[in-house]
Amino acid sequence: MSLGIWEMLALLVVVVLIFGAGKLPKVAGDVAQGIKAFKRNMKDEDEPVAPAHPPAKDPVLLTAEKVAADRDRPQV
């Protein structure tokens, strides 16, 4: 089943009534960005994704690093 010219015109009229003529370019741009992002993410799905945040360091290790840095700093 395909859409005929009258169905497409009716759909366009409904969209204009809902969003208004002034917001249509913004809505179309947002939809296009969403489609591009979806396609990009589908293409990159096979590649491993790096974590958003690096793993937190162990507090004991941080304390040891601070002690070593303090020890190496010249005394005034």
C-alpha atoms as a PDB file:
ATOM      1  CA  MET A   1       0.000   0.000   0.000  1.00  0.00           C
ATOM      2  CA  SER A   2       1.552   3.279  -1.060  1.00  0.00           C
ATOM      3  CA  LEU A   3       0.585   6.811  -0.210  1.00  0.00           C
ATOM      4  CA  GLY A   4      -1.066   8.792  -2.963  1.00  0.00           C
ATOM      5  CA  ILE A   5      -0.793  12.508  -3.546  1.00  0.00           C
ATOM      6  CA  TRP A   6      -3.949  13.262  -1.564  1.00  0.00           C
ATOM      7  CA  GLU A   7      -2.787  11.279   1.453  1.00  0.00           C
ATOM      8  CA  MET A   8       0.572  13.067   1.450  1.00  0.00           C
ATOM      9  CA  LEU A   9      -1.111  16.471   1.179  1.00  0.00           C
ATOM     10  CA  ALA A  10      -3.462  15.634   4.055  1.00  0.00           C
ATOM     11  CA  LEU A  11      -0.487  14.496   6.144  1.00  0.00           C
ATOM     12  CA  LEU A  12       1.379  17.718   5.348  1.00  0.00           C
ATOM     13  CA  VAL A  13      -1.630  19.825   6.375  1.00  0.00           C
ATOM     14  CA  VAL A  14      -1.895  17.950   9.694  1.00  0.00           C
ATOM     15  CA  VAL A  15       1.834  18.418  10.374  1.00  0.00           C
ATOM     16  CA  VAL A  16       1.625  22.150   9.614  1.00  0.00           C
ATOM     17  CA  LEU A  17      -1.390  22.475  11.900  1.00  0.00           C
ATOM     18  CA  ILE A  18       0.367  20.657  14.755  1.00  0.00           C
ATOM     19  CA  PHE A  19       3.811  22.272  14.579  1.00  0.00           C
ATOM     20  CA  GLY A  20       3.118  25.532  12.773  1.00  0.00           C
ATOM     21  CA  ALA A  21       4.912  26.732   9.659  1.00  0.00           C
ATOM     22  CA  GLY A  22       7.629  28.542  11.644  1.00  0.00           C
ATOM     23  CA  LYS A  23       8.816  25.455  13.518  1.00  0.00           C
ATOM     24  CA  LEU A  24       8.901  23.054  10.563  1.00  0.00           C
ATOM     25  CA  PRO A  25      12.546  23.809   9.573  1.00  0.00           C
ATOM     26  CA  LYS A  26      13.717  23.252  13.159  1.00  0.00           C
ATOM     27  CA  VAL A  27      11.726  20.021  13.475  1.00  0.00           C
ATOM     28  CA  ALA A  28      13.057  18.790  10.122  1.00  0.00           C
ATOM     29  CA  GLY A  29      16.632  19.618  11.165  1.00  0.00           C
ATOM     30  CA  ASP A  30      16.212  17.781  14.468  1.00  0.00           C
ATOM     31  CA  VAL A  31      14.816  14.731  12.679  1.00  0.00           C
ATOM     32  CA  ALA A  32      17.711  14.779  10.194  1.00  0.00           C
ATOM     33  CA  GLN A  33      20.280  14.982  13.030  1.00  0.00           C
ATOM     34  CA  GLY A  34      18.573  12.076  14.771  1.00  0.00           C
ATOM     35  CA  ILE A  35      18.664   9.955  11.640  1.00  0.00           C
ATOM     36  CA  LYS A  36      22.353  10.769  11.056  1.00  0.00           C
ATOM     37  CA  ALA A  37      23.219   9.885  14.654  1.00  0.00           C
ATOM     38  CA  PHE A  38      21.263   6.638  14.404  1.00  0.00           C
ATOM     39  CA  LYS A  39      23.049   5.623  11.197  1.00  0.00           C
ATOM     40  CA  ARG A  40      26.454   6.544  12.669  1.00  0.00           C
ATOM     41  CA  ASN A  41      25.774   4.496  15.793  1.00  0.00           C
ATOM     42  CA  MET A  42      24.558   1.526  13.772  1.00  0.00           C
ATOM     43  CA  LYS A  43      27.769   1.617  11.718  1.00  0.00           C
ATOM     44  CA  ASP A  44      29.971   1.898  14.824  1.00  0.00           C
ATOM     45  CA  GLU A  45      28.106  -0.863  16.679  1.00  0.00           C
ATOM     46  CA  ASP A  46      30.760  -3.480  15.911  1.00  0.00           C
ATOM     47  CA  GLU A  47      33.620  -1.329  17.203  1.00  0.00           C
ATOM     48  CA  PRO A  48      34.421  -1.495  20.915  1.00  0.00           C
ATOM     49  CA  VAL A  49      33.228   1.500  22.872  1.00  0.00           C
ATOM     50  CA  ALA A  50      35.567   3.141  25.376  1.00  0.00           C
ATOM     51  CA  PRO A  51      34.071   3.781  28.821  1.00  0.00           C
ATOM     52  CA  ALA A  52      32.793   7.312  29.375  1.00  0.00           C
ATOM     53  CA  HIS A  53      34.790   7.701  32.589  1.00  0.00           C
ATOM     54  CA  PRO A  54      38.117   6.047  33.393  1.00  0.00           C
ATOM     55  CA  PRO A  55      37.990   3.624  36.297  1.00  0.00           C
ATOM     56  CA  ALA A  56      38.575   5.208  39.690  1.00  0.00           C
ATOM     57  CA  LYS A  57      41.984   4.679  41.282  1.00  0.00           C
ATOM     58  CA  ASP A  58      42.357   2.761  44.490  1.00  0.00           C
ATOM     59  CA  PRO A  59      42.440   5.158  47.507  1.00  0.00           C
ATOM     60  CA  VAL A  60      45.454   3.332  48.947  1.00  0.00           C
ATOM     61  CA  LEU A  61      47.350   3.818  45.692  1.00  0.00           C
ATOM     62  CA  LEU A  62      46.444   7.512  45.635  1.00  0.00           C
ATOM     63  CA  THR A  63      47.706   7.940  49.202  1.00  0.00           C
ATOM     64  CA  ALA A  64      50.973   6.150  48.362  1.00  0.00           C
ATOM     65  CA  GLU A  65      51.496   8.383  45.320  1.00  0.00           C
ATOM     66  CA  LYS A  66      50.890  11.506  47.418  1.00  0.00           C
ATOM     67  CA  VAL A  67      53.366  10.350  50.082  1.00  0.00           C
ATOM     68  CA  ALA A  68      55.990   9.640  47.417  1.00  0.00           C
ATOM     69  CA  ALA A  69      55.435  13.048  45.818  1.00  0.00           C
ATOM     70  CA  ASP A  70      55.689  14.797  49.210  1.00  0.00           C
ATOM     71  CA  ARG A  71      58.886  12.921  50.001  1.00  0.00           C
ATOM     72  CA  ASP A  72      60.500  13.955  46.699  1.00  0.00           C
ATOM     73  CA  ARG A  73      59.546  17.625  47.097  1.00  0.00           C
ATOM     74  CA  PRO A  74      62.394  19.747  48.511  1.00  0.00           C
ATOM     75  CA  GLN A  75      61.849  21.100  52.013  1.00  0.00           C
ATOM     76  CA  VAL A  76      61.808  24.898  52.458  1.00  0.00           C
END
